Amino acid sequence: MESYILALDQGTTSSRAILFDRTGRIAGMGQHTFPQHYPRQGWVEHDPWEIWETQRQAAAEAISRLKDGKVAGIGVTNQRETTILWDKTTGQPVYNAIVWQCRRTAELCEELKHRGLTETVQAKTGLLIDAYFSATKIRWILDNVSGVREKAERGEILFGTVETWLIWLLTGEHVTDCSNASRTMLFDIHQLCWDEELCRALQIPMAILPRPVSNSEVYGYVKSGIRGLERLAGVPVCGAAGDQQAALFGQTCFEAGQAKNTYGTGCFTLINVGDKAVRSRAGLVTSVAWQVGGKTTYALEGSVFNGGSTIQWLRDELQLVDSAPECDRLAETVPDAGGVVVVPAFTGLGAPYWDMYARGAILGITRGTKRAHIARAVLESIAFQVTDLMLAMRQDAGCDITALRVDGGASVSDLLMQMQADLLRIPVDRPAMVETTAFGAAALAGLSCGVWSDLEELKTLRRSQRVFTARRVQSECDSDYRLWKRAVGRAGDWIEH
């Protein structure tokens, strides 16, 4: 009987489920979007029940395509850092999920820096103090939702990032994989455990934290009676990773020096740095990439807060285009951006700047500026931000990066991928199967339940669809990049604080 792996891919704007067969081919799929909630400027929330309900529906749709064969295991991948606290007994969330993009804890982060915690946080967690990570979001809920701190102190509250929430609802087990734990700002990435000193400094009771587990092992079995998922009762949930680490795994970047970028809502560039955590000097962060078969692999990561979301902004808020593909078509009607630079710092700037107070800007506008110039400048802004990350990576990793493997929604844009190859001067490799995040979760689950035997077998499943190489003259690209850096300087530190 044919064995399949079900990947649950819970993202920032939609929940998806994909069934993979042994060859890595997609055998079934479901996807549902869910609302974004913006209670105040700079705040972003999700309803945890909407996350669960859309993920459940997507999974039910994916497995409904399966006429014969069995689901051998389930892998989970998720939007990282997004923080949920819920009642241990009733399962009821005490507040909405605070999303990774949310900036409400910026002041608390400043306070932690003033208390001299920057060095401790980076040395232990590999991270920089920022509102992006989960720890200050947990603290905010404990401090601002009536009665929650008292219940947490009594051990009646559970915390989880999104994969923890989904695994708990599916199996009843309260666990988090090492890759997600390493994005909380509470996890010692060298000892692979929660850090008591940091929990004390942030006044977070350790009783609420899930048990850290590897990325490829059986966490529990799907409970019976889940509506639409009756066929999955008893199936092991046996692989999990945060979306960016899952994409690195799905791109089969198993060797040190191999890098990938995901062009999603944000852009996330990761490079495998091997079995030793490399400390960044260039504004990147260090995370656990994965722990498989007792071996831990680390990654350097740079995060761009607004990548594909900049194209959404052009479409939804400015209404300059009707669809993402139209942005490409419009941008191709002009040879360049006409001196226009867009800095999409809608929620501040991520790596390597880490400027919570930067805000978006459009610079270089003249009377001759057209819609097409702004569309082209939006695509260029994404490529420029990834270039920032890659240059920082070269500096930190101490090894040459010979190619960039790409995935995510905006990677379908040939124009954007060509811009990226021109700026980086290295091949940009787009795979034939672009669902690399979901496949990474599936691969981790498939390794632990025997669908795939080892990393070598997984490598044989990846194929390139197209490799982009530099075409433009380097001096022109360098000139454009210098203009970008000037524009970032103008947009930086915009909000008074």
Protein backbone atom coordinates (compact mmCIF):
# COMPACT_ATOMS: atom_id res chain seq x y z
CA MET A 1 0.00 0.00 0.00
CA GLU A 2 1.34 3.44 -0.99
CA SER A 3 2.43 5.59 1.96
CA TYR A 4 1.91 9.34 2.04
CA ILE A 5 3.05 12.11 4.34
CA LEU A 6 0.71 14.97 5.23
CA ALA A 7 2.38 18.34 5.75
CA LEU A 8 0.47 21.01 7.68
CA ASP A 9 1.85 24.38 6.54
CA GLN A 10 0.41 27.03 8.84
CA GLY A 11 1.41 30.46 7.49
CA THR A 12 0.84 34.10 8.35
CA THR A 13 -2.09 34.63 5.99
CA SER A 14 -3.31 31.10 5.22
CA SER A 15 -3.33 27.52 6.45
CA ARG A 16 -2.38 24.87 3.92
CA ALA A 17 -2.11 21.10 3.90
CA ILE A 18 -0.22 19.10 1.28
CA LEU A 19 0.01 15.34 0.79
CA PHE A 20 3.32 14.08 -0.61
CA ASP A 21 4.03 10.63 -2.04
CA ARG A 22 7.38 8.84 -1.80
CA THR A 23 8.74 10.62 -4.90
CA GLY A 24 8.03 14.03 -3.38
CA ARG A 25 5.11 14.56 -5.75
CA ILE A 26 2.02 16.41 -4.50
CA ALA A 27 -0.95 14.04 -4.22
CA GLY A 28 -3.49 16.34 -2.59
CA MET A 29 -3.80 19.87 -1.26
CA GLY A 30 -6.08 22.23 0.65
CA GLN A 31 -5.72 25.90 1.55
CA HIS A 32 -7.79 28.45 3.49
CA THR A 33 -7.01 32.07 4.25
CA PHE A 34 -7.98 33.66 7.57
CA PRO A 35 -8.42 37.26 8.78
CA GLN A 36 -5.65 39.51 10.06
CA HIS A 37 -6.56 41.65 13.07
CA TYR A 38 -4.99 45.09 13.62
CA PRO A 39 -6.39 46.41 16.94
CA ARG A 40 -3.97 49.37 16.99
CA GLN A 41 -1.27 50.84 14.79
CA GLY A 42 1.69 48.43 14.68
CA TRP A 43 -0.28 45.62 16.39
CA VAL A 44 -1.00 42.36 14.52
CA GLU A 45 -3.10 39.49 15.88
CA HIS A 46 -4.71 36.21 14.77
CA ASP A 47 -7.56 34.30 16.35
CA PRO A 48 -6.06 30.92 17.44
CA TRP A 49 -9.36 29.18 16.68
CA GLU A 50 -9.33 30.58 13.13
CA ILE A 51 -5.80 29.22 12.74
CA TRP A 52 -6.97 25.78 13.92
CA GLU A 53 -10.21 25.74 11.96
CA THR A 54 -8.59 26.72 8.64
CA GLN A 55 -5.78 24.19 9.21
CA ARG A 56 -8.29 21.44 10.02
CA GLN A 57 -10.34 22.23 6.90
CA ALA A 58 -7.20 22.32 4.70
CA ALA A 59 -6.07 18.92 6.07
CA ALA A 60 -9.55 17.42 5.54
CA GLU A 61 -9.52 18.63 1.91
CA ALA A 62 -6.02 17.29 1.24
CA ILE A 63 -6.79 13.78 2.54
CA SER A 64 -10.16 13.71 0.74
CA ARG A 65 -8.12 13.44 -2.50
CA LEU A 66 -6.66 10.16 -1.26
CA LYS A 67 -8.54 7.23 -2.81
CA ASP A 68 -6.15 4.48 -1.72
CA GLY A 69 -3.00 4.24 0.35
CA LYS A 70 -2.42 5.46 3.89
CA VAL A 71 -1.02 8.52 5.65
CA ALA A 72 2.11 7.22 7.40
CA GLY A 73 2.92 10.39 9.29
CA ILE A 74 2.24 14.11 9.72
CA GLY A 75 4.76 16.96 9.64
CA VAL A 76 3.98 20.47 10.88
CA THR A 77 5.55 23.75 9.81
CA ASN A 78 4.44 27.17 10.93
CA GLN A 79 4.74 30.93 11.04
CA ARG A 80 7.33 31.32 13.78
CA GLU A 81 7.46 33.53 16.90
CA THR A 82 3.67 34.02 16.85
CA THR A 83 2.61 33.52 20.46
CA ILE A 84 -0.44 31.75 21.94
CA LEU A 85 -1.30 31.21 25.61
CA TRP A 86 -4.23 28.95 26.53
CA ASP A 87 -5.93 27.37 29.51
CA LYS A 88 -4.45 23.93 30.22
CA THR A 89 -7.83 22.45 31.24
CA THR A 90 -10.35 24.05 28.88
CA GLY A 91 -8.01 24.60 25.90
CA GLN A 92 -9.42 28.11 25.54
CA PRO A 93 -6.88 30.76 24.41
CA VAL A 94 -6.61 33.58 26.95
CA TYR A 95 -5.97 36.19 24.23
CA ASN A 96 -5.52 36.36 20.47
CA ALA A 97 -2.25 35.07 19.01
CA ILE A 98 0.28 37.92 18.90
CA VAL A 99 1.84 37.68 15.45
CA TRP A 100 5.58 37.84 14.69
CA GLN A 101 5.04 41.15 12.83
CA CYS A 102 3.51 42.85 15.89
CA ARG A 103 5.56 45.75 17.33
CA ARG A 104 3.63 46.36 20.58
CA THR A 105 6.55 45.26 22.77
CA ALA A 106 9.17 47.62 21.27
CA GLU A 107 9.33 49.66 24.49
CA LEU A 108 9.79 46.54 26.62
CA CYS A 109 12.67 45.53 24.32
CA GLU A 110 14.30 48.94 24.89
CA GLU A 111 13.93 48.43 28.64
CA LEU A 112 15.65 45.02 28.41
CA LYS A 113 18.52 46.59 26.47
CA HIS A 114 18.87 49.33 29.10
CA ARG A 115 19.02 46.61 31.75
CA GLY A 116 22.13 45.26 29.98
CA LEU A 117 20.65 42.00 28.71
CA THR A 118 21.79 42.30 25.07
CA GLU A 119 24.97 40.27 25.50
CA THR A 120 23.30 37.55 27.62
CA VAL A 121 20.48 37.14 25.09
CA GLN A 122 22.79 36.91 22.10
CA ALA A 123 25.30 34.60 23.78
CA LYS A 124 22.65 32.12 24.92
CA THR A 125 19.89 32.34 22.30
CA GLY A 126 21.74 33.54 19.19
CA LEU A 127 19.13 36.30 18.86
CA LEU A 128 19.05 40.07 19.23
CA ILE A 129 16.56 41.71 21.57
CA ASP A 130 13.61 42.58 19.37
CA ALA A 131 9.80 42.67 19.48
CA TYR A 132 9.89 40.08 16.66
CA PHE A 133 10.61 37.17 19.01
CA SER A 134 8.14 35.39 21.32
CA ALA A 135 9.44 36.21 24.81
CA THR A 136 8.23 39.80 25.09
CA LYS A 137 4.88 38.79 23.53
CA ILE A 138 4.42 36.19 26.32
CA ARG A 139 5.31 38.81 28.92
CA TRP A 140 2.80 41.27 27.40
CA ILE A 141 -0.06 38.76 27.71
CA LEU A 142 0.93 37.86 31.28
CA ASP A 143 1.00 41.55 32.23
CA ASN A 144 -2.05 42.79 30.33
CA VAL A 145 -4.71 40.06 30.40
CA SER A 146 -6.51 39.95 33.71
CA GLY A 147 -5.86 36.88 35.88
CA VAL A 148 -3.48 35.16 33.44
CA ARG A 149 -0.27 35.71 35.38
CA GLU A 150 -1.79 34.22 38.52
CA LYS A 151 -3.04 31.17 36.60
CA ALA A 152 0.36 30.81 34.89
CA GLU A 153 2.13 30.84 38.29
CA ARG A 154 -0.21 28.00 39.38
CA GLY A 155 0.70 25.97 36.26
CA GLU A 156 -2.75 26.34 34.68
CA ILE A 157 -1.63 28.09 31.46
CA LEU A 158 0.28 26.68 28.48
CA PHE A 159 2.38 28.68 26.02
CA GLY A 160 3.14 27.64 22.48
CA THR A 161 4.19 28.90 19.13
CA VAL A 162 1.80 27.81 16.38
CA GLU A 163 3.19 24.30 15.86
CA THR A 164 2.85 23.65 19.61
CA TRP A 165 -0.80 24.77 19.49
CA LEU A 166 -1.57 22.52 16.50
CA ILE A 167 0.27 19.47 17.91
CA TRP A 168 -1.52 19.94 21.25
CA LEU A 169 -4.93 20.08 19.54
CA LEU A 170 -4.10 17.03 17.38
CA THR A 171 -2.46 14.82 20.02
CA GLY A 172 -2.81 16.38 23.47
CA GLU A 173 1.01 16.58 23.80
CA HIS A 174 2.63 19.90 24.83
CA VAL A 175 5.92 20.00 22.88
CA THR A 176 7.97 22.36 20.70
CA ASP A 177 10.70 21.44 18.25
CA CYS A 178 14.19 22.92 18.67
CA SER A 179 13.95 25.18 15.61
CA ASN A 180 10.82 26.93 16.90
CA ALA A 181 12.10 27.02 20.49
CA SER A 182 15.22 28.80 19.26
CA ARG A 183 13.04 31.73 18.05
CA THR A 184 11.49 32.51 21.44
CA MET A 185 14.44 34.41 23.04
CA LEU A 186 14.20 32.01 26.02
CA PHE A 187 16.02 28.94 24.64
CA ASP A 188 19.72 28.17 25.10
CA ILE A 189 20.72 26.97 21.63
CA HIS A 190 23.97 25.44 22.90
CA GLN A 191 22.44 23.37 25.73
CA LEU A 192 19.11 22.89 23.85
CA CYS A 193 17.01 23.78 26.90
CA TRP A 194 14.96 26.63 28.33
CA ASP A 195 17.13 29.18 30.14
CA GLU A 196 16.21 29.90 33.76
CA GLU A 197 18.07 33.23 33.90
CA LEU A 198 16.23 34.64 30.88
CA CYS A 199 12.85 33.37 32.10
CA ARG A 200 13.53 35.08 35.44
CA ALA A 201 14.62 38.33 33.77
CA LEU A 202 11.42 38.38 31.70
CA GLN A 203 9.20 37.18 34.60
CA ILE A 204 7.95 34.18 32.62
CA PRO A 205 7.04 31.08 34.70
CA MET A 206 8.86 28.07 33.26
CA ALA A 207 5.83 25.84 33.97
CA ILE A 208 4.04 27.28 30.91
CA LEU A 209 6.80 26.27 28.47
CA PRO A 210 6.46 23.19 26.23
CA ARG A 211 8.91 20.27 26.30
CA PRO A 212 11.69 20.78 23.68
CA VAL A 213 11.96 17.88 21.21
CA SER A 214 13.96 17.10 18.07
CA ASN A 215 12.62 17.90 14.59
CA SER A 216 12.13 14.29 13.55
CA GLU A 217 10.56 11.96 16.12
CA VAL A 218 7.09 10.82 17.17
CA TYR A 219 5.50 13.53 19.36
CA GLY A 220 2.11 11.85 19.72
CA TYR A 221 -0.77 10.33 17.75
CA VAL A 222 -3.82 12.05 16.29
CA LYS A 223 -6.80 11.75 18.63
CA SER A 224 -10.01 10.18 17.41
CA GLY A 225 -13.12 12.28 16.88
CA ILE A 226 -11.58 15.34 15.22
CA ARG A 227 -14.18 16.47 12.68
CA GLY A 228 -13.08 15.82 9.10
CA LEU A 229 -9.86 14.11 10.25
CA GLU A 230 -11.35 10.78 11.37
CA ARG A 231 -9.11 8.96 8.84
CA LEU A 232 -6.04 10.36 10.61
CA ALA A 233 -6.88 8.92 14.06
CA GLY A 234 -3.80 7.09 15.38
CA VAL A 235 -1.43 8.55 12.75
CA PRO A 236 1.83 9.81 14.31
CA VAL A 237 2.68 13.51 14.27
CA CYS A 238 6.40 12.97 13.83
CA GLY A 239 8.12 15.99 12.28
CA ALA A 240 8.06 19.73 12.91
CA ALA A 241 10.09 22.82 12.09
CA GLY A 242 9.57 26.55 11.86
CA ASP A 243 8.76 27.57 8.30
CA GLN A 244 12.19 28.95 7.40
CA GLN A 245 14.16 26.02 8.79
CA ALA A 246 11.67 23.69 7.07
CA ALA A 247 12.33 25.46 3.76
CA LEU A 248 16.11 25.11 4.26
CA PHE A 249 15.57 21.39 4.86
CA GLY A 250 13.12 21.09 1.96
CA GLN A 251 15.67 22.76 -0.33
CA THR A 252 18.07 19.98 0.78
CA CYS A 253 20.65 22.50 2.03
CA PHE A 254 22.24 19.79 4.15
CA GLU A 255 25.88 20.97 3.76
CA ALA A 256 27.53 23.96 5.49
CA GLY A 257 27.61 26.95 3.11
CA GLN A 258 24.35 26.12 1.31
CA ALA A 259 21.81 28.97 1.44
CA LYS A 260 18.15 29.58 0.59
CA ASN A 261 15.81 32.54 0.53
CA THR A 262 12.05 32.35 0.91
CA TYR A 263 10.17 35.20 -0.74
CA GLY A 264 7.02 35.16 1.37
CA THR A 265 5.18 37.85 3.33
CA GLY A 266 8.67 38.65 4.58
CA CYS A 267 11.95 37.41 3.13
CA PHE A 268 14.03 34.94 5.06
CA THR A 269 17.56 34.02 4.10
CA LEU A 270 19.20 31.09 5.87
CA ILE A 271 22.60 29.51 5.48
CA ASN A 272 23.56 26.15 6.95
CA VAL A 273 26.66 26.74 9.13
CA GLY A 274 27.12 23.13 10.28
CA ASP A 275 27.21 21.68 13.78
CA LYS A 276 28.63 24.74 15.57
CA ALA A 277 26.55 27.85 16.28
CA VAL A 278 28.24 30.80 14.51
CA ARG A 279 27.78 34.13 16.26
CA SER A 280 26.86 36.97 13.92
CA ARG A 281 28.79 40.24 13.89
CA ALA A 282 26.73 41.69 11.06
CA GLY A 283 23.21 41.92 12.47
CA LEU A 284 22.06 38.38 11.66
CA VAL A 285 20.72 35.87 14.17
CA THR A 286 21.74 32.28 14.89
CA SER A 287 19.10 29.57 15.19
CA VAL A 288 18.87 25.82 15.43
CA ALA A 289 18.21 24.70 11.85
CA TRP A 290 17.22 21.18 12.90
CA GLN A 291 18.07 18.30 15.17
CA VAL A 292 17.82 14.98 13.35
CA GLY A 293 19.14 11.62 14.51
CA GLY A 294 20.86 13.14 17.55
CA LYS A 295 22.83 15.64 15.42
CA THR A 296 22.16 19.38 15.69
CA THR A 297 22.65 21.67 12.69
CA TYR A 298 22.72 25.45 13.04
CA ALA A 299 21.83 28.27 10.66
CA LEU A 300 22.55 31.96 10.33
CA GLU A 301 19.42 33.85 9.40
CA GLY A 302 18.45 37.27 8.19
CA SER A 303 14.84 38.42 8.17
CA VAL A 304 13.21 41.04 5.98
CA PHE A 305 9.88 42.03 7.55
CA ASN A 306 8.21 43.15 4.32
CA GLY A 307 8.90 41.26 1.09
CA GLY A 308 5.87 39.90 -0.74
CA SER A 309 3.68 42.00 1.56
CA THR A 310 5.03 45.06 -0.30
CA ILE A 311 3.41 43.75 -3.49
CA GLN A 312 0.18 43.15 -1.50
CA TRP A 313 0.36 46.77 -0.27
CA LEU A 314 0.73 47.99 -3.86
CA ARG A 315 -2.34 45.93 -4.77
CA ASP A 316 -4.62 46.33 -1.73
CA GLU A 317 -3.80 49.72 -0.20
CA LEU A 318 -2.49 51.79 -3.14
CA GLN A 319 -4.56 49.83 -5.69
CA LEU A 320 -1.92 50.46 -8.37
CA VAL A 321 -2.25 46.85 -9.59
CA ASP A 322 -5.06 44.28 -9.47
CA SER A 323 -2.85 41.23 -8.88
CA ALA A 324 0.71 40.20 -8.04
CA PRO A 325 1.43 39.04 -11.64
CA GLU A 326 0.29 42.46 -12.89
CA CYS A 327 3.04 44.06 -10.78
CA ASP A 328 5.56 42.10 -12.88
CA ARG A 329 3.92 42.98 -16.18
CA LEU A 330 3.76 46.67 -15.26
CA ALA A 331 7.39 46.73 -14.05
CA GLU A 332 8.53 45.21 -17.35
CA THR A 333 7.10 48.15 -19.32
CA VAL A 334 9.96 50.39 -18.12
CA PRO A 335 13.70 49.67 -18.43
CA ASP A 336 14.44 50.78 -14.83
CA ALA A 337 12.79 52.41 -11.82
CA GLY A 338 13.56 55.93 -13.08
CA GLY A 339 15.52 56.80 -9.93
CA VAL A 340 12.63 55.80 -7.61
CA VAL A 341 13.49 53.77 -4.50
CA VAL A 342 10.86 52.18 -2.23
CA VAL A 343 11.94 51.33 1.32
CA PRO A 344 9.14 49.06 2.65
CA ALA A 345 9.84 49.59 6.36
CA PHE A 346 6.13 49.35 7.25
CA THR A 347 6.89 47.62 10.56
CA GLY A 348 10.49 48.75 10.97
CA LEU A 349 13.57 47.21 9.36
CA GLY A 350 14.83 43.70 10.15
CA ALA A 351 18.34 42.37 9.57
CA PRO A 352 20.96 43.71 9.28
CA TYR A 353 19.56 47.08 10.48
CA TRP A 354 17.21 46.06 13.35
CA ASP A 355 15.59 49.49 13.36
CA MET A 356 12.19 49.26 15.08
CA TYR A 357 11.62 52.97 14.44
CA ALA A 358 12.19 53.03 10.68
CA ARG A 359 9.12 53.56 8.49
CA GLY A 360 8.35 53.13 4.81
CA ALA A 361 9.41 55.69 2.23
CA ILE A 362 9.23 56.32 -1.51
CA LEU A 363 12.16 58.47 -2.62
CA GLY A 364 13.36 59.91 -5.92
CA ILE A 365 9.89 60.76 -7.26
CA THR A 366 9.79 63.30 -10.11
CA ARG A 367 6.98 64.70 -12.26
CA GLY A 368 7.80 61.93 -14.75
CA THR A 369 7.32 59.08 -12.21
CA LYS A 370 4.70 56.57 -13.40
CA ARG A 371 2.91 53.60 -11.83
CA ALA A 372 5.34 51.32 -13.64
CA HIS A 373 8.38 52.96 -11.97
CA ILE A 374 6.86 52.40 -8.52
CA ALA A 375 5.98 48.78 -9.40
CA ARG A 376 9.56 48.17 -10.54
CA ALA A 377 10.96 49.89 -7.44
CA VAL A 378 8.81 47.61 -5.25
CA LEU A 379 10.31 44.49 -6.87
CA GLU A 380 13.80 46.00 -6.60
CA SER A 381 13.23 46.72 -2.88
CA ILE A 382 12.75 43.00 -2.27
CA ALA A 383 15.95 42.11 -4.17
CA PHE A 384 17.92 44.87 -2.39
CA GLN A 385 16.85 43.64 1.05
CA VAL A 386 17.89 40.06 0.25
CA THR A 387 21.23 41.42 -1.03
CA ASP A 388 21.71 43.16 2.35
CA LEU A 389 21.24 39.79 4.06
CA MET A 390 23.52 37.85 1.71
CA LEU A 391 26.36 40.36 2.07
CA ALA A 392 26.06 40.13 5.87
CA MET A 393 26.09 36.33 5.59
CA ARG A 394 29.25 36.27 3.53
CA GLN A 395 30.88 38.36 6.24
CA ASP A 396 29.71 36.12 9.11
CA ALA A 397 29.79 32.61 7.67
CA GLY A 398 33.43 32.77 6.68
CA CYS A 399 32.76 30.63 3.61
CA ASP A 400 31.78 31.44 0.07
CA ILE A 401 28.13 31.14 -0.92
CA THR A 402 28.15 29.73 -4.41
CA ALA A 403 24.41 29.74 -5.16
CA LEU A 404 21.10 30.83 -3.66
CA ARG A 405 18.17 28.39 -3.68
CA VAL A 406 14.84 30.20 -3.75
CA ASP A 407 11.18 29.51 -2.94
CA GLY A 408 8.06 31.26 -1.71
CA GLY A 409 5.25 33.07 -3.53
CA ALA A 410 7.30 35.89 -5.11
CA SER A 411 9.97 33.46 -6.42
CA VAL A 412 7.64 32.78 -9.39
CA SER A 413 8.59 36.25 -10.68
CA ASP A 414 11.26 35.82 -13.37
CA LEU A 415 11.93 39.57 -13.26
CA LEU A 416 12.58 39.55 -9.50
CA MET A 417 14.80 36.45 -9.72
CA GLN A 418 16.83 38.07 -12.52
CA MET A 419 17.24 41.25 -10.43
CA GLN A 420 18.47 39.06 -7.57
CA ALA A 421 21.03 37.20 -9.71
CA ASP A 422 22.30 40.53 -11.10
CA LEU A 423 22.79 42.05 -7.65
CA LEU A 424 24.37 38.97 -6.03
CA ARG A 425 26.47 37.83 -9.03
CA ILE A 426 25.77 34.18 -8.15
CA PRO A 427 23.29 31.67 -9.62
CA VAL A 428 19.73 31.87 -8.27
CA ASP A 429 18.25 28.36 -8.37
CA ARG A 430 14.46 27.93 -8.42
CA PRO A 431 13.25 24.35 -7.87
CA ALA A 432 10.68 22.55 -10.00
CA MET A 433 8.60 21.87 -6.87
CA VAL A 434 8.30 25.23 -5.09
CA GLU A 435 6.44 23.92 -2.01
CA THR A 436 9.73 23.52 -0.20
CA THR A 437 8.49 24.63 3.24
CA ALA A 438 5.74 22.01 3.31
CA PHE A 439 8.09 19.43 1.81
CA GLY A 440 10.67 20.16 4.53
CA ALA A 441 8.09 19.34 7.21
CA ALA A 442 7.05 16.23 5.27
CA ALA A 443 10.68 15.12 4.88
CA LEU A 444 11.32 15.46 8.64
CA ALA A 445 8.21 13.39 9.37
CA GLY A 446 9.00 10.88 6.62
CA LEU A 447 12.48 10.25 8.00
CA SER A 448 11.12 9.38 11.44
CA CYS A 449 8.37 7.05 10.18
CA GLY A 450 10.47 5.30 7.52
CA VAL A 451 9.02 6.72 4.28
CA TRP A 452 12.53 8.01 3.42
CA SER A 453 15.69 6.37 4.65
CA ASP A 454 18.22 9.22 4.87
CA LEU A 455 19.31 12.67 3.67
CA GLU A 456 20.93 11.23 0.54
CA GLU A 457 17.60 9.83 -0.62
CA LEU A 458 15.93 13.21 0.01
CA LYS A 459 18.60 14.99 -2.09
CA THR A 460 17.63 12.93 -5.15
CA LEU A 461 14.07 14.30 -4.98
CA ARG A 462 15.03 17.97 -5.57
CA ARG A 463 15.19 19.23 -9.17
CA SER A 464 15.84 22.74 -10.54
CA GLN A 465 13.19 24.39 -12.68
CA ARG A 466 15.38 27.35 -13.73
CA VAL A 467 18.73 28.81 -12.74
CA PHE A 468 19.14 32.59 -13.18
CA THR A 469 22.63 34.04 -13.74
CA ALA A 470 23.84 37.65 -13.75
CA ARG A 471 23.20 39.58 -16.99
CA ARG A 472 23.49 43.26 -16.12
CA VAL A 473 26.81 45.08 -15.94
CA GLN A 474 28.11 44.94 -12.38
CA SER A 475 28.89 48.69 -12.16
CA GLU A 476 25.21 49.50 -12.89
CA CYS A 477 24.05 47.09 -10.18
CA ASP A 478 26.55 48.53 -7.69
CA SER A 479 25.31 52.06 -8.43
CA ASP A 480 21.68 51.02 -7.83
CA TYR A 481 22.65 49.32 -4.58
CA ARG A 482 24.45 52.47 -3.32
CA LEU A 483 21.24 54.44 -4.02
CA TRP A 484 19.28 51.85 -2.00
CA LYS A 485 21.63 52.27 0.98
CA ARG A 486 21.14 56.07 0.85
CA ALA A 487 17.37 55.60 0.80
CA VAL A 488 17.48 53.27 3.83
CA GLY A 489 19.43 55.99 5.66
CA ARG A 490 16.58 58.43 4.99
CA ALA A 491 13.85 56.03 6.21
CA GLY A 492 15.74 54.96 9.34
CA ASP A 493 14.85 56.05 12.90
CA TRP A 494 11.76 57.90 11.62
CA ILE A 495 9.43 57.47 14.62
CA GLU A 496 10.30 59.71 17.57
CA HIS A 497 11.11 57.73 20.71
